[in-house]
Amino acid sequence: MIQRPFSIPLADGETIHGDLRLPEGEPPLTAVVVTHGFKGFKDWGFFPYLCACLAGDGHAVVSFNFSRNGIGDHPMEFTELETFARNTLSREVDEILTVLREVRSGGLLQVPPTRVGLFGHSRGGGDAVIAARDDGRLDALVTWAGIATFDRWPEDLKKQWRAKGRIHVLNTRTGQEMPLDVALLEDFEQNRQRLDIERAAQGLLELPWLIVHGETDASVSVEDAERLATADPHLELERIPDAGHAFEAAHPFEGSTPQLDHALRLSREHFRRHLVSEGKRAEE
């Protein structure tokens, strides 16, 4: 496998940093873009392993950090908390769309792919649903532990947020109190229609979409997956028994688990079927 970093400068001076993984040999004709969730990053836990597995299946795999996810020069540490505070949901969706454009244009790959898939985890799963609807050109979508709504804040917290202009959320792994400016809430409230995940799901009836969710997920209930399945009855919903939010994988990554293996097998089959097999049929 070939791996190399990339950077995409944005108009406002921020930068998307990511990794491109390629199988050895001829340039691949299929690509998968991988997005992390809230308080996540491209090198967290299972993400590098997931990307390596997908590249092993013959796809070009593009993983990246959202430009305001709080990661700076130290790829495994949140050192840019003031940048993290200024992030918004619309920005995350727009950055997925930017990466998709770069992939399709050949800006990241030697040969523009003929078929493109998208993967998202947790809040990144919600982002991916919105981006898939806005993009309108994807060939396959996979979400793990994806949220069904961004509106997950109690009303009393919203009131406090508006009054103070900032709240803090605890990163239980690092112990950091991570700031969130009220611009995040305002962006959601000003763009409710665009950022309505269930509404976006209803517009994906032609897109092959696999949802994978752990039955014991304490961070995002499996009920979120069921809500999305109701919004789009054509999608595939797979519940993983005895699996939490990260499918029992740890950070730092200590190896796969039966639950992660199960989720990976389903996802790899989905991308093979709808990127590789469908691509071959389209050529015939």
Protein backbone atom coordinates (compact mmCIF):
# COMPACT_ATOMS: atom_id res chain seq x y z
CA MET A 1 0.00 0.00 0.00
CA ILE A 2 1.14 3.52 -0.84
CA GLN A 3 0.36 6.30 1.66
CA ARG A 4 1.03 9.99 1.28
CA PRO A 5 -0.22 13.16 2.95
CA PHE A 6 -2.06 15.98 1.19
CA SER A 7 -3.27 19.47 2.00
CA ILE A 8 -6.13 21.49 0.53
CA PRO A 9 -5.92 25.25 1.24
CA LEU A 10 -9.27 26.96 1.78
CA ALA A 11 -10.28 30.48 0.82
CA ASP A 12 -10.46 31.67 4.45
CA GLY A 13 -6.89 30.65 5.20
CA GLU A 14 -7.67 27.34 6.90
CA THR A 15 -6.35 24.05 5.51
CA ILE A 16 -7.72 20.53 5.19
CA HIS A 17 -4.98 18.02 5.98
CA GLY A 18 -5.42 14.40 5.00
CA ASP A 19 -3.92 11.11 3.89
CA LEU A 20 -4.26 9.30 0.59
CA ARG A 21 -3.86 5.53 0.57
CA LEU A 22 -3.47 3.68 -2.71
CA PRO A 23 -3.10 0.00 -3.57
CA GLU A 24 0.11 -0.99 -5.28
CA GLY A 25 0.01 -1.23 -9.06
CA GLU A 26 -2.24 0.52 -11.54
CA PRO A 27 -4.09 3.66 -10.38
CA PRO A 28 -7.48 2.63 -8.93
CA LEU A 29 -10.70 3.63 -10.64
CA THR A 30 -12.72 3.69 -7.41
CA ALA A 31 -12.32 5.96 -4.39
CA VAL A 32 -13.71 6.18 -0.86
CA VAL A 33 -13.67 9.39 1.21
CA VAL A 34 -13.62 8.80 4.99
CA THR A 35 -14.89 11.36 7.55
CA HIS A 36 -14.48 11.37 11.33
CA GLY A 37 -16.93 12.59 13.96
CA PHE A 38 -17.13 15.11 16.81
CA LYS A 39 -13.93 15.22 18.88
CA GLY A 40 -12.47 12.83 16.31
CA PHE A 41 -9.61 12.93 13.82
CA LYS A 42 -8.31 10.91 10.91
CA ASP A 43 -5.70 9.05 12.99
CA TRP A 44 -8.06 8.15 15.84
CA GLY A 45 -8.45 4.50 16.78
CA PHE A 46 -9.78 2.33 13.98
CA PHE A 47 -9.61 4.92 11.17
CA PRO A 48 -6.13 4.07 9.82
CA TYR A 49 -6.98 0.36 9.98
CA LEU A 50 -10.29 0.94 8.20
CA CYS A 51 -8.56 2.96 5.49
CA ALA A 52 -5.85 0.34 5.00
CA CYS A 53 -8.49 -2.38 4.62
CA LEU A 54 -10.40 -0.38 2.01
CA ALA A 55 -7.18 0.37 0.11
CA GLY A 56 -6.45 -3.35 0.25
CA ASP A 57 -9.70 -3.88 -1.64
CA GLY A 58 -8.36 -1.78 -4.49
CA HIS A 59 -9.86 1.63 -3.70
CA ALA A 60 -8.08 4.95 -3.41
CA VAL A 61 -8.91 5.99 0.17
CA VAL A 62 -8.95 9.61 1.26
CA SER A 63 -9.17 10.41 4.98
CA PHE A 64 -8.88 13.92 6.37
CA ASN A 65 -9.24 16.17 9.39
CA PHE A 66 -11.88 18.86 9.26
CA SER A 67 -9.97 22.13 9.21
CA ARG A 68 -11.35 23.19 12.60
CA ASN A 69 -11.35 19.84 14.41
CA GLY A 70 -8.69 21.02 16.86
CA ILE A 71 -5.74 19.03 15.51
CA GLY A 72 -2.64 21.02 14.56
CA ASP A 73 0.98 20.00 14.10
CA HIS A 74 0.61 17.09 16.53
CA PRO A 75 -1.62 14.60 14.68
CA MET A 76 -2.78 12.77 17.81
CA GLU A 77 -3.39 15.72 20.15
CA PHE A 78 -5.95 18.51 20.38
CA THR A 79 -3.67 21.53 20.50
CA GLU A 80 -5.84 24.02 18.57
CA LEU A 81 -8.79 24.47 20.92
CA GLU A 82 -9.58 28.03 19.81
CA THR A 83 -9.84 26.78 16.24
CA PHE A 84 -12.05 23.92 17.46
CA ALA A 85 -14.33 26.50 19.11
CA ARG A 86 -15.02 28.20 15.76
CA ASN A 87 -16.15 25.11 13.88
CA THR A 88 -19.67 24.80 12.42
CA LEU A 89 -21.77 22.02 10.95
CA SER A 90 -22.21 23.76 7.60
CA ARG A 91 -18.45 24.07 7.37
CA GLU A 92 -17.96 20.34 7.90
CA VAL A 93 -20.45 19.49 5.16
CA ASP A 94 -18.86 22.01 2.81
CA GLU A 95 -15.41 20.53 3.49
CA ILE A 96 -16.62 17.04 2.58
CA LEU A 97 -17.92 18.49 -0.68
CA THR A 98 -14.56 20.19 -1.27
CA VAL A 99 -12.69 16.90 -0.78
CA LEU A 100 -15.11 15.10 -3.11
CA ARG A 101 -14.48 17.71 -5.80
CA GLU A 102 -10.72 17.32 -5.40
CA VAL A 103 -11.01 13.54 -5.69
CA ARG A 104 -13.15 13.69 -8.82
CA SER A 105 -11.04 16.35 -10.51
CA GLY A 106 -7.91 14.26 -10.27
CA GLY A 107 -6.35 16.81 -7.96
CA LEU A 108 -5.53 14.11 -5.43
CA LEU A 109 -5.35 11.04 -7.67
CA GLN A 110 -3.36 10.34 -10.81
CA VAL A 111 -6.51 9.24 -12.59
CA PRO A 112 -9.96 10.62 -11.72
CA PRO A 113 -12.07 7.74 -10.34
CA THR A 114 -15.08 6.48 -12.21
CA ARG A 115 -17.01 5.68 -9.01
CA VAL A 116 -16.83 7.32 -5.57
CA GLY A 117 -18.07 6.25 -2.15
CA LEU A 118 -18.36 8.12 1.15
CA PHE A 119 -17.94 6.86 4.72
CA GLY A 120 -18.84 8.70 7.93
CA HIS A 121 -18.74 7.87 11.63
CA SER A 122 -20.92 9.40 14.37
CA ARG A 123 -21.46 13.12 13.70
CA GLY A 124 -19.40 12.57 10.56
CA GLY A 125 -22.12 10.13 9.55
CA GLY A 126 -24.69 12.90 9.80
CA ASP A 127 -22.38 15.20 7.85
CA ALA A 128 -21.99 12.49 5.20
CA VAL A 129 -25.75 12.15 4.71
CA ILE A 130 -26.11 15.90 4.13
CA ALA A 131 -23.08 15.95 1.83
CA ALA A 132 -24.38 12.95 -0.13
CA ARG A 133 -27.67 14.77 -0.75
CA ASP A 134 -25.93 18.04 -1.68
CA ASP A 135 -23.36 16.31 -3.91
CA GLY A 136 -25.87 14.16 -5.78
CA ARG A 137 -23.18 12.14 -7.58
CA LEU A 138 -22.10 9.47 -5.08
CA ASP A 139 -22.19 5.79 -5.94
CA ALA A 140 -22.23 4.36 -2.39
CA LEU A 141 -22.57 5.56 1.21
CA VAL A 142 -21.68 3.85 4.50
CA THR A 143 -22.33 5.34 7.94
CA TRP A 144 -21.30 3.87 11.27
CA ALA A 145 -23.02 4.96 14.49
CA GLY A 146 -24.44 7.91 12.56
CA ILE A 147 -26.63 10.51 14.20
CA ALA A 148 -30.18 11.17 12.97
CA THR A 149 -30.20 14.81 14.12
CA PHE A 150 -27.64 17.47 14.95
CA ASP A 151 -30.02 19.01 17.49
CA ARG A 152 -28.72 17.11 20.52
CA TRP A 153 -28.48 20.02 22.96
CA PRO A 154 -30.96 20.45 25.84
CA GLU A 155 -32.88 23.74 25.85
CA ASP A 156 -31.30 24.91 29.12
CA LEU A 157 -27.85 24.41 27.61
CA LYS A 158 -28.83 26.40 24.52
CA LYS A 159 -30.02 29.24 26.75
CA GLN A 160 -26.72 29.25 28.64
CA TRP A 161 -24.81 29.04 25.35
CA ARG A 162 -26.56 32.09 23.91
CA ALA A 163 -26.09 34.07 27.11
CA LYS A 164 -22.37 33.34 27.53
CA GLY A 165 -21.39 32.98 23.88
CA ARG A 166 -19.44 29.81 24.60
CA ILE A 167 -19.80 26.47 26.34
CA HIS A 168 -17.27 23.74 27.07
CA VAL A 169 -17.58 19.99 26.50
CA LEU A 170 -15.43 17.45 28.29
CA ASN A 171 -13.20 15.17 26.28
CA THR A 172 -13.32 12.18 28.61
CA ARG A 173 -10.32 10.58 26.92
CA THR A 174 -7.95 13.53 27.32
CA GLY A 175 -9.60 15.38 30.20
CA GLN A 176 -9.69 18.60 28.13
CA GLU A 177 -12.56 21.07 28.41
CA MET A 178 -13.13 21.81 24.72
CA PRO A 179 -14.76 25.17 23.85
CA LEU A 180 -17.66 25.65 21.46
CA ASP A 181 -18.62 29.15 20.37
CA VAL A 182 -22.29 30.02 19.94
CA ALA A 183 -21.63 30.29 16.18
CA LEU A 184 -22.04 26.50 16.05
CA LEU A 185 -25.58 26.73 17.46
CA GLU A 186 -26.43 29.77 15.34
CA ASP A 187 -25.23 28.04 12.18
CA PHE A 188 -27.50 25.09 12.90
CA GLU A 189 -30.52 27.27 13.65
CA GLN A 190 -29.97 29.41 10.54
CA ASN A 191 -29.58 26.35 8.31
CA ARG A 192 -32.09 23.95 9.83
CA GLN A 193 -33.53 22.87 6.51
CA ARG A 194 -30.17 22.08 4.92
CA LEU A 195 -28.89 20.40 8.12
CA ASP A 196 -31.98 18.22 8.65
CA ILE A 197 -30.43 14.74 8.42
CA GLU A 198 -33.69 12.82 8.19
CA ARG A 199 -34.94 15.14 5.46
CA ALA A 200 -31.68 14.62 3.56
CA ALA A 201 -32.05 10.85 4.00
CA GLN A 202 -35.38 11.00 2.18
CA GLY A 203 -33.54 12.39 -0.82
CA LEU A 204 -31.14 9.45 -1.08
CA LEU A 205 -33.55 6.81 -2.30
CA GLU A 206 -31.41 6.04 -5.36
CA LEU A 207 -28.12 5.85 -3.44
CA PRO A 208 -26.94 2.47 -2.08
CA TRP A 209 -26.58 3.25 1.64
CA LEU A 210 -25.46 0.93 4.42
CA ILE A 211 -25.99 1.89 8.08
CA VAL A 212 -24.02 -0.04 10.70
CA HIS A 213 -24.80 0.59 14.37
CA GLY A 214 -23.82 -1.06 17.63
CA GLU A 215 -26.76 -2.29 19.67
CA THR A 216 -25.15 -1.10 22.93
CA ASP A 217 -23.94 2.29 21.67
CA ALA A 218 -24.18 4.65 24.66
CA SER A 219 -23.11 7.75 22.69
CA VAL A 220 -25.55 7.52 19.78
CA SER A 221 -28.52 5.26 20.39
CA VAL A 222 -29.41 2.61 17.86
CA GLU A 223 -32.74 4.43 17.72
CA ASP A 224 -30.98 7.03 15.55
CA ALA A 225 -30.24 4.32 12.99
CA GLU A 226 -33.85 3.19 13.10
CA ARG A 227 -35.07 6.76 12.52
CA LEU A 228 -32.89 7.01 9.43
CA ALA A 229 -34.12 3.64 8.22
CA THR A 230 -37.66 4.96 8.47
CA ALA A 231 -36.69 8.04 6.46
CA ASP A 232 -35.15 5.87 3.72
CA PRO A 233 -36.75 2.40 3.60
CA HIS A 234 -34.39 1.31 0.80
CA LEU A 235 -31.20 1.52 2.86
CA GLU A 236 -29.55 -1.44 4.54
CA LEU A 237 -29.48 -1.35 8.37
CA GLU A 238 -27.18 -3.75 10.19
CA ARG A 239 -27.16 -3.90 14.00
CA ILE A 240 -23.99 -5.27 15.61
CA PRO A 241 -24.64 -7.14 18.89
CA ASP A 242 -22.57 -6.19 21.95
CA ALA A 243 -21.03 -3.25 20.08
CA GLY A 244 -20.59 0.26 21.40
CA HIS A 245 -19.87 3.52 19.62
CA ALA A 246 -16.43 2.46 18.33
CA PHE A 247 -17.32 -1.23 17.93
CA GLU A 248 -15.19 -2.05 21.00
CA ALA A 249 -12.02 -0.71 19.37
CA ALA A 250 -9.71 1.45 21.48
CA HIS A 251 -7.54 4.51 21.03
CA PRO A 252 -4.62 4.11 20.73
CA PHE A 253 -5.58 1.25 18.43
CA GLU A 254 -4.76 -2.15 19.95
CA GLY A 255 -6.03 -4.32 17.14
CA SER A 256 -9.41 -5.24 15.75
CA THR A 257 -12.33 -6.74 17.65
CA PRO A 258 -15.04 -9.18 16.56
CA GLN A 259 -17.52 -6.30 16.44
CA LEU A 260 -15.20 -4.13 14.34
CA ASP A 261 -14.46 -7.08 12.06
CA HIS A 262 -18.21 -7.53 11.57
CA ALA A 263 -18.72 -3.85 10.70
CA LEU A 264 -15.72 -3.88 8.37
CA ARG A 265 -16.84 -7.01 6.53
CA LEU A 266 -20.27 -5.53 5.83
CA SER A 267 -18.81 -2.21 4.72
CA ARG A 268 -16.15 -3.68 2.49
CA GLU A 269 -18.76 -5.86 0.79
CA HIS A 270 -21.00 -2.83 0.28
CA PHE A 271 -18.25 -0.80 -1.37
CA ARG A 272 -17.10 -3.76 -3.48
CA ARG A 273 -20.63 -4.37 -4.70
CA HIS A 274 -21.53 -0.77 -5.53
CA LEU A 275 -18.17 0.66 -6.58
CA VAL A 276 -16.31 -2.25 -8.17
CA SER A 277 -19.01 -4.65 -9.36
CA GLU A 278 -21.40 -1.93 -10.54
CA GLY A 279 -18.52 -0.19 -12.26
CA LYS A 280 -17.64 -3.33 -14.20
CA ARG A 281 -21.27 -3.81 -15.23
CA ALA A 282 -21.44 -0.20 -16.43
CA GLU A 283 -18.41 -0.82 -18.68
CA GLU A 284 -19.92 -3.91 -20.28
